[in-house]
Amino acid sequence: MLTSHELFGFMSPALAVRIIECAHDDNKELYHTALHTVAEARKLRPTFFERTPRAARHKDMAAMLARPRLELIAANLLREWLMKKRTAMLAQFLDALGIAHQGGAVDDLPASVEDAKLTEAVEALLANYPAEEVAVYLNAFYTMNEVQWPNLESLLKTDARLQFGG
């Protein structure tokens, strides 16, 4: 499955920029950490990078977040976006699976879920949200949790709607 930096590499540039914009608007500390990390990776002074026009800067940041050494900051940006901007999607998925949560956050995931329930939950997400966002969420859900469901892995590998660039 795709790690956070790989997700940034495969998702559309528009979605990657929206995720960065979320941090810019809602979590200045995370945004500045991301900006400084990307500037350092590009061998730029953060103050110079910060002075570039925001649209160009965010486009550059999105491209850099696809690199393996920026996995941690990419994961943090994805978590922030999912928990702040896509809470309803997370909650819908977990509710469909019958998993208790607090605003999309789960303490303990079950070791497995029934195939039929999972398929139904994914179908509902795809009916209500853009396929690319669902693919980002499900890949992040799979890779960021200690419990990994083989049936979710199979869906991510075989369902064309959950593939990037399609």
N, C-alpha and C. Protein backbone atom coordinates (compact mmCIF):
# COMPACT_ATOMS: atom_id res chain seq x y z
N MET A 1 0.82 -1.17 0.00
CA MET A 1 0.00 0.00 0.00
C MET A 1 0.87 1.24 0.00
N LEU A 2 0.23 2.33 -0.27
CA LEU A 2 0.97 3.57 -0.45
C LEU A 2 1.23 4.28 0.88
N THR A 3 2.47 4.67 1.07
CA THR A 3 2.84 5.45 2.24
C THR A 3 2.43 6.90 2.00
N SER A 4 2.58 7.73 3.00
CA SER A 4 2.15 9.12 2.89
C SER A 4 2.88 9.87 1.78
N HIS A 5 4.20 9.70 1.71
CA HIS A 5 4.92 10.42 0.66
C HIS A 5 4.53 9.89 -0.73
N GLU A 6 4.25 8.59 -0.83
CA GLU A 6 3.80 8.04 -2.11
C GLU A 6 2.43 8.58 -2.48
N LEU A 7 1.57 8.76 -1.49
CA LEU A 7 0.25 9.34 -1.76
C LEU A 7 0.40 10.74 -2.35
N PHE A 8 1.31 11.54 -1.80
CA PHE A 8 1.54 12.87 -2.35
C PHE A 8 2.07 12.78 -3.79
N GLY A 9 2.82 11.74 -4.08
CA GLY A 9 3.33 11.57 -5.43
C GLY A 9 2.28 11.15 -6.44
N PHE A 10 1.28 10.39 -5.99
CA PHE A 10 0.26 9.88 -6.90
C PHE A 10 -1.00 10.73 -6.97
N MET A 11 -1.33 11.45 -5.91
CA MET A 11 -2.55 12.25 -5.94
C MET A 11 -2.39 13.42 -6.90
N SER A 12 -3.49 14.01 -7.29
CA SER A 12 -3.44 15.15 -8.19
C SER A 12 -2.76 16.32 -7.48
N PRO A 13 -2.05 17.14 -8.24
CA PRO A 13 -1.43 18.33 -7.62
C PRO A 13 -2.46 19.23 -6.94
N ALA A 14 -3.67 19.29 -7.48
CA ALA A 14 -4.70 20.13 -6.88
C ALA A 14 -5.07 19.65 -5.48
N LEU A 15 -5.22 18.34 -5.31
CA LEU A 15 -5.54 17.81 -3.99
C LEU A 15 -4.37 18.00 -3.03
N ALA A 16 -3.16 17.79 -3.51
CA ALA A 16 -1.98 17.98 -2.66
C ALA A 16 -1.91 19.42 -2.15
N VAL A 17 -2.19 20.37 -3.03
CA VAL A 17 -2.16 21.78 -2.62
C VAL A 17 -3.29 22.06 -1.63
N ARG A 18 -4.47 21.47 -1.83
CA ARG A 18 -5.58 21.67 -0.87
C ARG A 18 -5.20 21.15 0.52
N ILE A 19 -4.47 20.05 0.57
CA ILE A 19 -4.04 19.50 1.86
C ILE A 19 -3.06 20.46 2.53
N ILE A 20 -2.14 21.02 1.77
CA ILE A 20 -1.19 21.99 2.31
C ILE A 20 -1.93 23.26 2.75
N GLU A 21 -2.91 23.68 1.96
CA GLU A 21 -3.72 24.86 2.31
C GLU A 21 -4.46 24.65 3.62
N CYS A 22 -4.90 23.44 3.87
CA CYS A 22 -5.59 23.13 5.13
C CYS A 22 -4.67 23.44 6.30
N ALA A 23 -3.43 23.00 6.23
CA ALA A 23 -2.48 23.28 7.31
C ALA A 23 -2.20 24.78 7.39
N HIS A 24 -2.07 25.43 6.24
CA HIS A 24 -1.82 26.87 6.22
C HIS A 24 -2.93 27.62 6.94
N ASP A 25 -4.17 27.21 6.70
CA ASP A 25 -5.32 27.91 7.27
C ASP A 25 -5.64 27.51 8.71
N ASP A 26 -5.40 26.25 9.06
CA ASP A 26 -5.90 25.74 10.34
C ASP A 26 -4.84 25.35 11.37
N ASN A 27 -3.60 25.16 10.94
CA ASN A 27 -2.56 24.71 11.87
C ASN A 27 -1.23 25.34 11.47
N LYS A 28 -1.04 26.56 11.90
CA LYS A 28 0.15 27.33 11.52
C LYS A 28 1.45 26.63 11.93
N GLU A 29 1.44 25.99 13.09
CA GLU A 29 2.65 25.32 13.55
C GLU A 29 3.04 24.19 12.60
N LEU A 30 2.08 23.36 12.23
CA LEU A 30 2.34 22.27 11.28
C LEU A 30 2.77 22.83 9.93
N TYR A 31 2.08 23.88 9.49
CA TYR A 31 2.43 24.48 8.20
C TYR A 31 3.87 24.99 8.20
N HIS A 32 4.26 25.70 9.24
CA HIS A 32 5.63 26.24 9.30
C HIS A 32 6.66 25.12 9.40
N THR A 33 6.34 24.06 10.11
CA THR A 33 7.24 22.91 10.16
C THR A 33 7.40 22.31 8.77
N ALA A 34 6.29 22.16 8.06
CA ALA A 34 6.35 21.62 6.70
C ALA A 34 7.15 22.54 5.78
N LEU A 35 6.88 23.83 5.87
CA LEU A 35 7.59 24.80 5.04
C LEU A 35 9.10 24.74 5.30
N HIS A 36 9.49 24.72 6.56
CA HIS A 36 10.91 24.69 6.91
C HIS A 36 11.55 23.37 6.48
N THR A 37 10.82 22.27 6.62
CA THR A 37 11.35 20.97 6.22
C THR A 37 11.56 20.91 4.72
N VAL A 38 10.60 21.41 3.97
CA VAL A 38 10.73 21.43 2.50
C VAL A 38 11.84 22.38 2.08
N ALA A 39 11.91 23.54 2.70
CA ALA A 39 12.98 24.49 2.36
C ALA A 39 14.35 23.86 2.60
N GLU A 40 14.50 23.20 3.73
CA GLU A 40 15.76 22.54 4.06
C GLU A 40 16.09 21.45 3.03
N ALA A 41 15.08 20.68 2.64
CA ALA A 41 15.29 19.62 1.65
C ALA A 41 15.68 20.20 0.29
N ARG A 42 15.19 21.40 -0.01
CA ARG A 42 15.53 22.07 -1.27
C ARG A 42 16.80 22.91 -1.14
N LYS A 43 17.39 22.89 0.04
CA LYS A 43 18.60 23.66 0.34
C LYS A 43 18.37 25.17 0.15
N LEU A 44 17.22 25.60 0.66
CA LEU A 44 16.86 27.02 0.64
C LEU A 44 16.73 27.52 2.07
N ARG A 45 16.95 28.79 2.22
CA ARG A 45 16.67 29.38 3.52
C ARG A 45 15.15 29.48 3.66
N PRO A 46 14.59 29.09 4.80
CA PRO A 46 13.14 29.14 4.98
C PRO A 46 12.54 30.53 4.73
N THR A 47 13.25 31.59 5.14
CA THR A 47 12.71 32.93 4.92
C THR A 47 12.61 33.26 3.44
N PHE A 48 13.58 32.79 2.64
CA PHE A 48 13.52 33.00 1.20
C PHE A 48 12.35 32.22 0.61
N PHE A 49 12.20 30.97 1.00
CA PHE A 49 11.13 30.12 0.49
C PHE A 49 9.77 30.68 0.88
N GLU A 50 9.68 31.21 2.09
CA GLU A 50 8.42 31.77 2.58
C GLU A 50 8.01 33.01 1.80
N ARG A 51 8.95 33.70 1.20
CA ARG A 51 8.65 34.92 0.45
C ARG A 51 8.20 34.64 -0.98
N THR A 52 8.34 33.42 -1.43
CA THR A 52 7.86 33.11 -2.78
C THR A 52 6.34 33.17 -2.77
N PRO A 53 5.73 33.45 -3.92
CA PRO A 53 4.26 33.51 -3.96
C PRO A 53 3.64 32.20 -3.44
N ARG A 54 2.58 32.35 -2.68
CA ARG A 54 1.98 31.21 -2.00
C ARG A 54 1.61 30.07 -2.96
N ALA A 55 1.02 30.37 -4.09
CA ALA A 55 0.61 29.32 -5.03
C ALA A 55 1.82 28.53 -5.52
N ALA A 56 2.89 29.23 -5.87
CA ALA A 56 4.11 28.56 -6.34
C ALA A 56 4.77 27.78 -5.20
N ARG A 57 4.77 28.36 -4.02
CA ARG A 57 5.37 27.70 -2.86
C ARG A 57 4.63 26.40 -2.54
N HIS A 58 3.31 26.45 -2.56
CA HIS A 58 2.53 25.25 -2.23
C HIS A 58 2.67 24.18 -3.32
N LYS A 59 2.80 24.60 -4.55
CA LYS A 59 3.04 23.64 -5.64
C LYS A 59 4.40 22.95 -5.43
N ASP A 60 5.41 23.73 -5.08
CA ASP A 60 6.74 23.17 -4.81
C ASP A 60 6.72 22.26 -3.59
N MET A 61 5.99 22.66 -2.57
CA MET A 61 5.90 21.84 -1.36
C MET A 61 5.23 20.50 -1.69
N ALA A 62 4.16 20.54 -2.47
CA ALA A 62 3.44 19.32 -2.84
C ALA A 62 4.37 18.36 -3.58
N ALA A 63 5.17 18.88 -4.48
CA ALA A 63 6.10 18.04 -5.23
C ALA A 63 7.16 17.44 -4.32
N MET A 64 7.68 18.22 -3.40
CA MET A 64 8.72 17.74 -2.49
C MET A 64 8.19 16.71 -1.49
N LEU A 65 6.93 16.83 -1.12
CA LEU A 65 6.36 15.90 -0.14
C LEU A 65 6.25 14.48 -0.68
N ALA A 66 6.49 14.29 -1.95
CA ALA A 66 6.48 12.95 -2.56
C ALA A 66 7.80 12.22 -2.34
N ARG A 67 8.74 12.84 -1.68
CA ARG A 67 10.06 12.22 -1.46
C ARG A 67 10.08 11.43 -0.15
N PRO A 68 10.74 10.27 -0.18
CA PRO A 68 10.75 9.39 1.01
C PRO A 68 11.24 10.07 2.28
N ARG A 69 12.21 10.95 2.19
CA ARG A 69 12.74 11.55 3.42
C ARG A 69 11.77 12.53 4.07
N LEU A 70 10.68 12.86 3.36
CA LEU A 70 9.67 13.75 3.92
C LEU A 70 8.41 12.99 4.35
N GLU A 71 8.56 11.68 4.56
CA GLU A 71 7.43 10.83 4.95
C GLU A 71 6.73 11.34 6.21
N LEU A 72 7.46 11.70 7.23
CA LEU A 72 6.87 12.11 8.49
C LEU A 72 6.00 13.35 8.33
N ILE A 73 6.51 14.35 7.66
CA ILE A 73 5.73 15.59 7.50
C ILE A 73 4.55 15.35 6.56
N ALA A 74 4.74 14.50 5.54
CA ALA A 74 3.63 14.16 4.65
C ALA A 74 2.52 13.46 5.43
N ALA A 75 2.89 12.55 6.31
CA ALA A 75 1.90 11.84 7.14
C ALA A 75 1.16 12.81 8.06
N ASN A 76 1.88 13.73 8.65
CA ASN A 76 1.24 14.70 9.55
C ASN A 76 0.27 15.60 8.80
N LEU A 77 0.65 16.04 7.59
CA LEU A 77 -0.26 16.86 6.79
C LEU A 77 -1.51 16.09 6.39
N LEU A 78 -1.34 14.82 6.00
CA LEU A 78 -2.50 14.00 5.65
C LEU A 78 -3.43 13.82 6.84
N ARG A 79 -2.86 13.50 8.00
CA ARG A 79 -3.69 13.32 9.21
C ARG A 79 -4.48 14.58 9.53
N GLU A 80 -3.79 15.71 9.46
CA GLU A 80 -4.44 17.00 9.75
C GLU A 80 -5.61 17.23 8.81
N TRP A 81 -5.39 17.04 7.52
CA TRP A 81 -6.44 17.25 6.52
C TRP A 81 -7.61 16.29 6.75
N LEU A 82 -7.31 15.02 6.96
CA LEU A 82 -8.37 14.04 7.16
C LEU A 82 -9.18 14.36 8.42
N MET A 83 -8.50 14.66 9.50
CA MET A 83 -9.20 14.89 10.77
C MET A 83 -9.94 16.24 10.82
N LYS A 84 -9.45 17.23 10.08
CA LYS A 84 -10.10 18.55 10.11
C LYS A 84 -11.10 18.74 8.98
N LYS A 85 -10.77 18.29 7.79
CA LYS A 85 -11.60 18.59 6.62
C LYS A 85 -12.43 17.41 6.14
N ARG A 86 -12.09 16.20 6.53
CA ARG A 86 -12.80 15.01 6.05
C ARG A 86 -13.33 14.16 7.19
N THR A 87 -13.66 14.80 8.30
CA THR A 87 -14.17 14.09 9.47
C THR A 87 -15.44 13.31 9.13
N ALA A 88 -16.33 13.91 8.34
CA ALA A 88 -17.58 13.24 7.99
C ALA A 88 -17.31 11.95 7.21
N MET A 89 -16.32 11.97 6.33
CA MET A 89 -15.98 10.77 5.57
C MET A 89 -15.45 9.69 6.51
N LEU A 90 -14.57 10.05 7.41
CA LEU A 90 -14.01 9.09 8.36
C LEU A 90 -15.13 8.49 9.21
N ALA A 91 -16.00 9.36 9.71
CA ALA A 91 -17.09 8.90 10.56
C ALA A 91 -18.05 7.98 9.80
N GLN A 92 -18.36 8.33 8.57
CA GLN A 92 -19.26 7.50 7.77
C GLN A 92 -18.67 6.10 7.58
N PHE A 93 -17.39 6.01 7.28
CA PHE A 93 -16.73 4.73 7.07
C PHE A 93 -16.76 3.89 8.35
N LEU A 94 -16.37 4.50 9.44
CA LEU A 94 -16.32 3.77 10.71
C LEU A 94 -17.71 3.38 11.19
N ASP A 95 -18.69 4.26 11.02
CA ASP A 95 -20.07 3.93 11.38
C ASP A 95 -20.58 2.75 10.57
N ALA A 96 -20.29 2.74 9.28
CA ALA A 96 -20.74 1.64 8.41
C ALA A 96 -20.14 0.31 8.84
N LEU A 97 -18.94 0.37 9.42
CA LEU A 97 -18.28 -0.85 9.88
C LEU A 97 -18.66 -1.21 11.33
N GLY A 98 -19.41 -0.31 11.97
CA GLY A 98 -19.80 -0.55 13.36
C GLY A 98 -18.66 -0.38 14.34
N ILE A 99 -17.72 0.50 14.02
CA ILE A 99 -16.55 0.74 14.88
C ILE A 99 -16.76 2.04 15.65
N ALA A 100 -16.66 1.96 16.97
CA ALA A 100 -16.81 3.15 17.82
C ALA A 100 -15.66 4.12 17.56
N HIS A 101 -15.99 5.40 17.53
CA HIS A 101 -14.96 6.43 17.26
C HIS A 101 -15.39 7.75 17.87
N GLN A 102 -14.45 8.65 17.95
CA GLN A 102 -14.69 10.02 18.40
C GLN A 102 -14.30 10.94 17.26
N GLY A 103 -15.26 11.42 16.50
CA GLY A 103 -14.97 12.32 15.39
C GLY A 103 -14.04 11.72 14.36
N GLY A 104 -14.15 10.43 14.12
CA GLY A 104 -13.32 9.76 13.12
C GLY A 104 -12.04 9.17 13.68
N ALA A 105 -11.75 9.41 14.94
CA ALA A 105 -10.54 8.86 15.57
C ALA A 105 -10.92 7.61 16.36
N VAL A 106 -10.11 6.57 16.23
CA VAL A 106 -10.38 5.28 16.84
C VAL A 106 -9.25 4.91 17.80
N ASP A 107 -9.62 4.40 18.96
CA ASP A 107 -8.61 3.92 19.91
C ASP A 107 -8.19 2.50 19.57
N ASP A 108 -9.16 1.63 19.38
CA ASP A 108 -8.85 0.22 19.11
C ASP A 108 -9.62 -0.26 17.89
N LEU A 109 -8.88 -0.68 16.87
CA LEU A 109 -9.51 -1.25 15.68
C LEU A 109 -9.66 -2.76 15.87
N PRO A 110 -10.74 -3.32 15.34
CA PRO A 110 -10.86 -4.78 15.38
C PRO A 110 -9.79 -5.42 14.50
N ALA A 111 -9.44 -6.65 14.80
CA ALA A 111 -8.41 -7.36 14.02
C ALA A 111 -8.84 -7.59 12.58
N SER A 112 -10.17 -7.65 12.35
CA SER A 112 -10.67 -7.86 11.00
C SER A 112 -12.09 -7.31 10.90
N VAL A 113 -12.54 -7.16 9.67
CA VAL A 113 -13.93 -6.77 9.40
C VAL A 113 -14.47 -7.69 8.31
N GLU A 114 -15.77 -7.87 8.32
CA GLU A 114 -16.41 -8.74 7.33
C GLU A 114 -16.27 -8.14 5.94
N ASP A 115 -16.06 -9.00 4.95
CA ASP A 115 -15.92 -8.54 3.56
C ASP A 115 -17.13 -7.72 3.11
N ALA A 116 -18.32 -8.24 3.39
CA ALA A 116 -19.55 -7.56 2.93
C ALA A 116 -19.68 -6.18 3.55
N LYS A 117 -19.39 -6.06 4.85
CA LYS A 117 -19.48 -4.75 5.52
C LYS A 117 -18.46 -3.78 4.94
N LEU A 118 -17.24 -4.27 4.71
CA LEU A 118 -16.20 -3.41 4.17
C LEU A 118 -16.57 -2.93 2.77
N THR A 119 -17.02 -3.84 1.94
CA THR A 119 -17.42 -3.48 0.58
C THR A 119 -18.54 -2.46 0.60
N GLU A 120 -19.51 -2.67 1.45
CA GLU A 120 -20.64 -1.74 1.58
C GLU A 120 -20.15 -0.36 2.05
N ALA A 121 -19.25 -0.34 3.02
CA ALA A 121 -18.72 0.92 3.54
C ALA A 121 -17.94 1.68 2.47
N VAL A 122 -17.13 0.97 1.70
CA VAL A 122 -16.35 1.61 0.62
C VAL A 122 -17.28 2.12 -0.47
N GLU A 123 -18.29 1.33 -0.83
CA GLU A 123 -19.26 1.77 -1.84
C GLU A 123 -19.96 3.05 -1.41
N ALA A 124 -20.31 3.13 -0.14
CA ALA A 124 -20.97 4.33 0.38
C ALA A 124 -20.05 5.55 0.31
N LEU A 125 -18.78 5.35 0.64
CA LEU A 125 -17.82 6.46 0.54
C LEU A 125 -17.70 6.94 -0.90
N LEU A 126 -17.57 5.98 -1.83
CA LEU A 126 -17.42 6.34 -3.24
C LEU A 126 -18.67 7.03 -3.79
N ALA A 127 -19.82 6.73 -3.22
CA ALA A 127 -21.06 7.38 -3.66
C ALA A 127 -21.16 8.82 -3.15
N ASN A 128 -20.48 9.11 -2.04
CA ASN A 128 -20.63 10.42 -1.40
C ASN A 128 -19.42 11.35 -1.52
N TYR A 129 -18.26 10.82 -1.89
CA TYR A 129 -17.04 11.64 -1.92
C TYR A 129 -16.27 11.37 -3.20
N PRO A 130 -15.41 12.32 -3.60
CA PRO A 130 -14.58 12.08 -4.78
C PRO A 130 -13.70 10.84 -4.60
N ALA A 131 -13.62 10.04 -5.64
CA ALA A 131 -12.87 8.77 -5.58
C ALA A 131 -11.42 8.99 -5.15
N GLU A 132 -10.80 10.06 -5.62
CA GLU A 132 -9.40 10.32 -5.25
C GLU A 132 -9.26 10.54 -3.74
N GLU A 133 -10.18 11.28 -3.14
CA GLU A 133 -10.12 11.51 -1.69
C GLU A 133 -10.37 10.22 -0.92
N VAL A 134 -11.29 9.39 -1.42
CA VAL A 134 -11.55 8.10 -0.78
C VAL A 134 -10.30 7.23 -0.87
N ALA A 135 -9.65 7.22 -2.03
CA ALA A 135 -8.43 6.43 -2.20
C ALA A 135 -7.33 6.91 -1.25
N VAL A 136 -7.17 8.22 -1.11
CA VAL A 136 -6.18 8.76 -0.19
C VAL A 136 -6.51 8.32 1.24
N TYR A 137 -7.76 8.49 1.63
CA TYR A 137 -8.16 8.11 2.99
C TYR A 137 -7.92 6.63 3.26
N LEU A 138 -8.39 5.77 2.38
CA LEU A 138 -8.28 4.33 2.63
C LEU A 138 -6.82 3.86 2.63
N ASN A 139 -6.00 4.42 1.76
CA ASN A 139 -4.58 4.08 1.79
C ASN A 139 -3.93 4.56 3.08
N ALA A 140 -4.25 5.78 3.48
CA ALA A 140 -3.71 6.32 4.74
C ALA A 140 -4.20 5.49 5.92
N PHE A 141 -5.49 5.15 5.92
CA PHE A 141 -6.06 4.33 6.98
C PHE A 141 -5.32 3.00 7.08
N TYR A 142 -5.05 2.40 5.94
CA TYR A 142 -4.38 1.10 5.92
C TYR A 142 -2.94 1.20 6.44
N THR A 143 -2.19 2.19 5.96
CA THR A 143 -0.77 2.26 6.30
C THR A 143 -0.49 2.91 7.66
N MET A 144 -1.40 3.77 8.14
CA MET A 144 -1.14 4.50 9.39
C MET A 144 -1.61 3.76 10.64
N ASN A 145 -2.35 2.67 10.45
CA ASN A 145 -2.85 1.91 11.61
C ASN A 145 -2.05 0.64 11.79
N GLU A 146 -1.91 0.23 13.04
CA GLU A 146 -1.19 -1.00 13.33
C GLU A 146 -1.93 -2.23 12.83
N VAL A 147 -3.26 -2.18 12.89
CA VAL A 147 -4.08 -3.28 12.40
C VAL A 147 -4.32 -3.07 10.92
N GLN A 148 -3.95 -4.05 10.13
CA GLN A 148 -4.13 -3.95 8.68
C GLN A 148 -4.99 -5.11 8.20
N TRP A 149 -6.10 -4.77 7.57
CA TRP A 149 -7.05 -5.76 7.13
C TRP A 149 -6.72 -6.24 5.72
N PRO A 150 -6.51 -7.53 5.53
CA PRO A 150 -6.20 -8.07 4.20
C PRO A 150 -7.27 -7.77 3.17
N ASN A 151 -8.54 -7.75 3.58
CA ASN A 151 -9.60 -7.47 2.60
C ASN A 151 -9.57 -6.01 2.15
N LEU A 152 -9.13 -5.09 3.00
CA LEU A 152 -8.97 -3.70 2.58
C LEU A 152 -7.79 -3.59 1.62
N GLU A 153 -6.71 -4.29 1.94
CA GLU A 153 -5.56 -4.29 1.04
C GLU A 153 -5.96 -4.80 -0.34
N SER A 154 -6.72 -5.85 -0.38
CA SER A 154 -7.18 -6.42 -1.65
C SER A 154 -8.03 -5.42 -2.43
N LEU A 155 -8.95 -4.74 -1.74
CA LEU A 155 -9.77 -3.72 -2.40
C LEU A 155 -8.91 -2.60 -2.98
N LEU A 156 -7.95 -2.15 -2.20
CA LEU A 156 -7.08 -1.06 -2.66
C LEU A 156 -6.27 -1.46 -3.90
N LYS A 157 -5.93 -2.73 -3.98
CA LYS A 157 -5.13 -3.21 -5.12
C LYS A 157 -5.98 -3.50 -6.36
N THR A 158 -7.25 -3.88 -6.16
CA THR A 158 -8.03 -4.37 -7.29
C THR A 158 -9.15 -3.45 -7.77
N ASP A 159 -9.66 -2.58 -6.92
CA ASP A 159 -10.77 -1.73 -7.33
C ASP A 159 -10.22 -0.54 -8.13
N ALA A 160 -10.59 -0.47 -9.39
CA ALA A 160 -10.07 0.59 -10.28
C ALA A 160 -10.42 1.99 -9.78
N ARG A 161 -11.53 2.12 -9.06
CA ARG A 161 -11.93 3.44 -8.56
C ARG A 161 -11.01 3.95 -7.45
N LEU A 162 -10.24 3.04 -6.87
CA LEU A 162 -9.33 3.41 -5.79
C LEU A 162 -7.88 3.52 -6.26
N GLN A 163 -7.70 3.53 -7.57
CA GLN A 163 -6.37 3.67 -8.17
C GLN A 163 -6.15 5.15 -8.54
N PHE A 164 -4.93 5.56 -8.54
CA PHE A 164 -4.59 6.94 -8.88
C PHE A 164 -4.26 7.05 -10.36
N GLY A 165 -4.59 8.20 -10.91
CA GLY A 165 -4.24 8.46 -12.32
C GLY A 165 -5.18 7.80 -13.30
N GLY A 166 -6.31 7.30 -12.82
CA GLY A 166 -7.23 6.60 -13.70
C GLY A 166 -8.17 7.51 -14.42
